[in-house]
Amino acid sequence: MNALKLMEYNIWAHRLILTQLESLPATLLDKPLGGSFGSIKATLVHLLLSDWLWLNRWKGIPLADIPEWPLNNLKEIKHRWESIQDEMLVIAQTLANDPEKNIEFITRKGAHHTLPWADIVVHVVNHGTYHRGQITHMLRTAGEQPVGTDYFLFCVQ
């Protein structure tokens, strides 16, 4: 398994969806469409905040506070998330040299865990794929044709 390639895929897929959303009506973001968080915007914010937490864990901060960022529209979400993703990629390039390096973290519920970085990457990518699937379903429910974010599409691009 190439953990760095998986992170590159995850970021590529997230950015494809963000780019597509820029071309759609802004009102679609807050429309109640189901899923775990009820709307596309809430799902995007959840993914962004999850990436923020993992980024900090990779930096040696087991439990980071979640900042009070203005995330009211797609432009604000995209700006903040791309910055986080860029930093994740830089750190991933270093951590990829030792994929078995243990990362200590504390969940939001207070549970302490330690996992190898490569296993965390699998979790981060799986989590992203799960919620991108929800966004795909929301877009279809709203009558839109979602972009393809399958791993093989990333590999053959």
C-alpha atoms as a PDB file:
ATOM      1  CA  MET A   1       0.000   0.000   0.000  1.00  0.00           C
ATOM      2  CA  ASN A   2       1.257   3.462  -0.866  1.00  0.00           C
ATOM      3  CA  ALA A   3      -0.138   5.721   1.863  1.00  0.00           C
ATOM      4  CA  LEU A   4       1.105   8.894   0.196  1.00  0.00           C
ATOM      5  CA  LYS A   5      -0.669   8.002  -3.048  1.00  0.00           C
ATOM      6  CA  LEU A   6      -3.865   7.367  -1.099  1.00  0.00           C
ATOM      7  CA  MET A   7      -3.624  10.828   0.477  1.00  0.00           C
ATOM      8  CA  GLU A   8      -3.026  12.368  -2.943  1.00  0.00           C
ATOM      9  CA  TYR A   9      -6.116  10.547  -4.220  1.00  0.00           C
ATOM     10  CA  ASN A  10      -8.239  11.732  -1.285  1.00  0.00           C
ATOM     11  CA  ILE A  11      -7.256  15.350  -1.847  1.00  0.00           C
ATOM     12  CA  TRP A  12      -7.781  15.045  -5.611  1.00  0.00           C
ATOM     13  CA  ALA A  13     -11.289  13.625  -5.079  1.00  0.00           C
ATOM     14  CA  HIS A  14     -12.282  16.271  -2.527  1.00  0.00           C
ATOM     15  CA  ARG A  15     -11.092  19.040  -4.835  1.00  0.00           C
ATOM     16  CA  LEU A  16     -13.000  17.611  -7.799  1.00  0.00           C
ATOM     17  CA  ILE A  17     -16.217  17.842  -5.832  1.00  0.00           C
ATOM     18  CA  LEU A  18     -15.414  21.366  -4.623  1.00  0.00           C
ATOM     19  CA  THR A  19     -14.751  22.446  -8.210  1.00  0.00           C
ATOM     20  CA  GLN A  20     -18.026  20.955  -9.378  1.00  0.00           C
ATOM     21  CA  LEU A  21     -19.932  22.636  -6.567  1.00  0.00           C
ATOM     22  CA  GLU A  22     -18.577  26.026  -7.652  1.00  0.00           C
ATOM     23  CA  SER A  23     -20.530  25.636 -10.900  1.00  0.00           C
ATOM     24  CA  LEU A  24     -23.828  24.822  -9.184  1.00  0.00           C
ATOM     25  CA  PRO A  25     -26.327  27.172  -7.513  1.00  0.00           C
ATOM     26  CA  ALA A  26     -25.104  28.269  -4.060  1.00  0.00           C
ATOM     27  CA  THR A  27     -28.551  27.493  -2.629  1.00  0.00           C
ATOM     28  CA  LEU A  28     -27.890  23.801  -3.230  1.00  0.00           C
ATOM     29  CA  LEU A  29     -25.277  23.767  -0.440  1.00  0.00           C
ATOM     30  CA  ASP A  30     -27.774  24.354   2.375  1.00  0.00           C
ATOM     31  CA  LYS A  31     -30.662  22.412   0.874  1.00  0.00           C
ATOM     32  CA  PRO A  32     -31.786  19.585   3.201  1.00  0.00           C
ATOM     33  CA  LEU A  33     -30.841  16.473   1.215  1.00  0.00           C
ATOM     34  CA  GLY A  34     -30.233  13.841   3.900  1.00  0.00           C
ATOM     35  CA  GLY A  35     -27.020  12.030   4.647  1.00  0.00           C
ATOM     36  CA  SER A  36     -25.230  12.046   7.984  1.00  0.00           C
ATOM     37  CA  PHE A  37     -25.196  15.838   8.260  1.00  0.00           C
ATOM     38  CA  GLY A  38     -28.296  16.851   6.310  1.00  0.00           C
ATOM     39  CA  SER A  39     -26.749  19.073   3.646  1.00  0.00           C
ATOM     40  CA  ILE A  40     -23.813  19.260   1.292  1.00  0.00           C
ATOM     41  CA  LYS A  41     -22.356  22.222   3.186  1.00  0.00           C
ATOM     42  CA  ALA A  42     -22.574  20.493   6.569  1.00  0.00           C
ATOM     43  CA  THR A  43     -20.924  17.396   5.091  1.00  0.00           C
ATOM     44  CA  LEU A  44     -18.111  19.480   3.585  1.00  0.00           C
ATOM     45  CA  VAL A  45     -17.544  21.251   6.909  1.00  0.00           C
ATOM     46  CA  HIS A  46     -17.422  17.884   8.692  1.00  0.00           C
ATOM     47  CA  LEU A  47     -14.777  16.627   6.258  1.00  0.00           C
ATOM     48  CA  LEU A  48     -12.768  19.843   6.590  1.00  0.00           C
ATOM     49  CA  LEU A  49     -12.815  19.704  10.393  1.00  0.00           C
ATOM     50  CA  SER A  50     -11.888  16.013  10.360  1.00  0.00           C
ATOM     51  CA  ASP A  51      -8.898  16.797   8.162  1.00  0.00           C
ATOM     52  CA  TRP A  52      -7.952  19.599  10.568  1.00  0.00           C
ATOM     53  CA  LEU A  53      -7.975  17.169  13.497  1.00  0.00           C
ATOM     54  CA  TRP A  54      -5.882  14.565  11.650  1.00  0.00           C
ATOM     55  CA  LEU A  55      -3.425  17.193  10.450  1.00  0.00           C
ATOM     56  CA  ASN A  56      -2.850  18.279  14.026  1.00  0.00           C
ATOM     57  CA  ARG A  57      -2.514  14.700  15.220  1.00  0.00           C
ATOM     58  CA  TRP A  58       0.139  14.135  12.543  1.00  0.00           C
ATOM     59  CA  LYS A  59       1.913  17.222  13.864  1.00  0.00           C
ATOM     60  CA  GLY A  60       2.006  15.727  17.378  1.00  0.00           C
ATOM     61  CA  ILE A  61      -1.063  17.463  18.824  1.00  0.00           C
ATOM     62  CA  PRO A  62      -3.224  14.531  20.021  1.00  0.00           C
ATOM     63  CA  LEU A  63      -6.363  16.639  20.558  1.00  0.00           C
ATOM     64  CA  ALA A  64      -6.605  20.016  18.840  1.00  0.00           C
ATOM     65  CA  ASP A  65      -9.259  22.617  19.469  1.00  0.00           C
ATOM     66  CA  ILE A  66     -11.531  23.222  16.519  1.00  0.00           C
ATOM     67  CA  PRO A  67     -11.187  26.854  15.411  1.00  0.00           C
ATOM     68  CA  GLU A  68     -14.142  29.155  14.953  1.00  0.00           C
ATOM     69  CA  TRP A  69     -13.573  29.750  11.256  1.00  0.00           C
ATOM     70  CA  PRO A  70     -16.142  31.507   9.085  1.00  0.00           C
ATOM     71  CA  LEU A  71     -17.350  28.662   6.865  1.00  0.00           C
ATOM     72  CA  ASN A  72     -20.552  30.239   5.605  1.00  0.00           C
ATOM     73  CA  ASN A  73     -20.144  29.641   1.896  1.00  0.00           C
ATOM     74  CA  LEU A  74     -18.263  27.459  -0.565  1.00  0.00           C
ATOM     75  CA  LYS A  75     -15.525  30.045  -1.125  1.00  0.00           C
ATOM     76  CA  GLU A  76     -14.675  30.131   2.604  1.00  0.00           C
ATOM     77  CA  ILE A  77     -14.842  26.340   2.894  1.00  0.00           C
ATOM     78  CA  LYS A  78     -12.668  25.804  -0.169  1.00  0.00           C
ATOM     79  CA  HIS A  79     -10.067  28.368   0.912  1.00  0.00           C
ATOM     80  CA  ARG A  80      -9.685  26.897   4.404  1.00  0.00           C
ATOM     81  CA  TRP A  81      -9.844  23.251   3.314  1.00  0.00           C
ATOM     82  CA  GLU A  82      -7.321  23.593   0.505  1.00  0.00           C
ATOM     83  CA  SER A  83      -4.880  25.165   2.948  1.00  0.00           C
ATOM     84  CA  ILE A  84      -5.350  22.227   5.340  1.00  0.00           C
ATOM     85  CA  GLN A  85      -5.009  19.724   2.496  1.00  0.00           C
ATOM     86  CA  ASP A  86      -1.824  21.372   1.245  1.00  0.00           C
ATOM     87  CA  GLU A  87      -0.312  21.093   4.713  1.00  0.00           C
ATOM     88  CA  MET A  88      -1.507  17.487   5.058  1.00  0.00           C
ATOM     89  CA  LEU A  89       0.244  16.625   1.819  1.00  0.00           C
ATOM     90  CA  VAL A  90       3.524  18.217   2.930  1.00  0.00           C
ATOM     91  CA  ILE A  91       3.483  16.303   6.211  1.00  0.00           C
ATOM     92  CA  ALA A  92       2.374  13.106   4.447  1.00  0.00           C
ATOM     93  CA  GLN A  93       5.418  13.316   2.192  1.00  0.00           C
ATOM     94  CA  THR A  94       7.621  13.151   5.292  1.00  0.00           C
ATOM     95  CA  LEU A  95       5.553  10.542   7.153  1.00  0.00           C
ATOM     96  CA  ALA A  96       5.514   8.332   4.050  1.00  0.00           C
ATOM     97  CA  ASN A  97       9.189   7.613   4.743  1.00  0.00           C
ATOM     98  CA  ASP A  98       8.111   5.764   7.891  1.00  0.00           C
ATOM     99  CA  PRO A  99       4.526   4.574   7.309  1.00  0.00           C
ATOM    100  CA  GLU A 100       4.616   2.467  10.480  1.00  0.00           C
ATOM    101  CA  LYS A 101       5.367   5.514  12.655  1.00  0.00           C
ATOM    102  CA  ASN A 102       2.879   5.534  15.505  1.00  0.00           C
ATOM    103  CA  ILE A 103       0.595   8.527  15.861  1.00  0.00           C
ATOM    104  CA  GLU A 104      -0.974   9.135  19.251  1.00  0.00           C
ATOM    105  CA  PHE A 105      -4.360  10.805  19.331  1.00  0.00           C
ATOM    106  CA  ILE A 106      -7.364  11.455  21.508  1.00  0.00           C
ATOM    107  CA  THR A 107     -10.837  11.194  20.019  1.00  0.00           C
ATOM    108  CA  ARG A 108     -13.423  13.918  20.547  1.00  0.00           C
ATOM    109  CA  LYS A 109     -14.980  11.542  23.118  1.00  0.00           C
ATOM    110  CA  GLY A 110     -11.708  11.412  25.063  1.00  0.00           C
ATOM    111  CA  ALA A 111     -10.466   7.931  24.101  1.00  0.00           C
ATOM    112  CA  HIS A 112      -6.682   7.634  23.755  1.00  0.00           C
ATOM    113  CA  HIS A 113      -5.324   5.634  20.793  1.00  0.00           C
ATOM    114  CA  THR A 114      -2.101   4.946  18.954  1.00  0.00           C
ATOM    115  CA  LEU A 115      -2.029   3.719  15.345  1.00  0.00           C
ATOM    116  CA  PRO A 116       0.566   3.538  12.599  1.00  0.00           C
ATOM    117  CA  TRP A 117       0.347   6.514  10.245  1.00  0.00           C
ATOM    118  CA  ALA A 118      -0.427   4.257   7.261  1.00  0.00           C
ATOM    119  CA  ASP A 119      -3.471   2.827   9.057  1.00  0.00           C
ATOM    120  CA  ILE A 120      -4.674   6.343   9.822  1.00  0.00           C
ATOM    121  CA  VAL A 121      -4.345   7.224   6.130  1.00  0.00           C
ATOM    122  CA  VAL A 122      -6.604   4.285   5.261  1.00  0.00           C
ATOM    123  CA  HIS A 123      -9.129   5.597   7.785  1.00  0.00           C
ATOM    124  CA  VAL A 124      -8.918   9.193   6.485  1.00  0.00           C
ATOM    125  CA  VAL A 125      -9.393   8.060   2.877  1.00  0.00           C
ATOM    126  CA  ASN A 126     -12.217   5.663   3.768  1.00  0.00           C
ATOM    127  CA  HIS A 127     -13.939   8.415   5.764  1.00  0.00           C
ATOM    128  CA  GLY A 128     -13.598  10.827   2.846  1.00  0.00           C
ATOM    129  CA  THR A 129     -14.916   8.265   0.379  1.00  0.00           C
ATOM    130  CA  TYR A 130     -17.917   7.543   2.594  1.00  0.00           C
ATOM    131  CA  HIS A 131     -18.944  11.180   2.829  1.00  0.00           C
ATOM    132  CA  ARG A 132     -18.161  11.924  -0.841  1.00  0.00           C
ATOM    133  CA  GLY A 133     -20.585   9.106  -1.601  1.00  0.00           C
ATOM    134  CA  GLN A 134     -23.192  10.893   0.484  1.00  0.00           C
ATOM    135  CA  ILE A 135     -22.535  14.124  -1.410  1.00  0.00           C
ATOM    136  CA  THR A 136     -22.848  12.201  -4.682  1.00  0.00           C
ATOM    137  CA  HIS A 137     -26.226  10.911  -3.550  1.00  0.00           C
ATOM    138  CA  MET A 138     -27.329  14.413  -2.492  1.00  0.00           C
ATOM    139  CA  LEU A 139     -26.326  15.822  -5.873  1.00  0.00           C
ATOM    140  CA  ARG A 140     -28.286  13.118  -7.688  1.00  0.00           C
ATOM    141  CA  THR A 141     -31.286  13.760  -5.427  1.00  0.00           C
ATOM    142  CA  ALA A 142     -31.085  17.431  -6.437  1.00  0.00           C
ATOM    143  CA  GLY A 143     -31.086  16.462 -10.126  1.00  0.00           C
ATOM    144  CA  GLU A 144     -27.360  17.040 -10.732  1.00  0.00           C
ATOM    145  CA  GLN A 145     -24.817  14.698 -12.303  1.00  0.00           C
ATOM    146  CA  PRO A 146     -21.928  14.286  -9.838  1.00  0.00           C
ATOM    147  CA  VAL A 147     -18.311  14.075 -10.951  1.00  0.00           C
ATOM    148  CA  GLY A 148     -16.562  10.718 -10.833  1.00  0.00           C
ATOM    149  CA  THR A 149     -14.134  10.372  -7.945  1.00  0.00           C
ATOM    150  CA  ASP A 150     -13.273   6.671  -8.178  1.00  0.00           C
ATOM    151  CA  TYR A 151      -9.711   5.701  -7.329  1.00  0.00           C
ATOM    152  CA  PHE A 152      -9.092   4.245 -10.767  1.00  0.00           C
ATOM    153  CA  LEU A 153     -10.005   7.605 -12.343  1.00  0.00           C
ATOM    154  CA  PHE A 154      -7.289   9.203 -10.230  1.00  0.00           C
ATOM    155  CA  CYS A 155      -4.815   6.534 -11.336  1.00  0.00           C
ATOM    156  CA  VAL A 156      -5.528   6.888 -15.085  1.00  0.00           C
ATOM    157  CA  GLN A 157      -5.718  10.667 -15.252  1.00  0.00           C
END
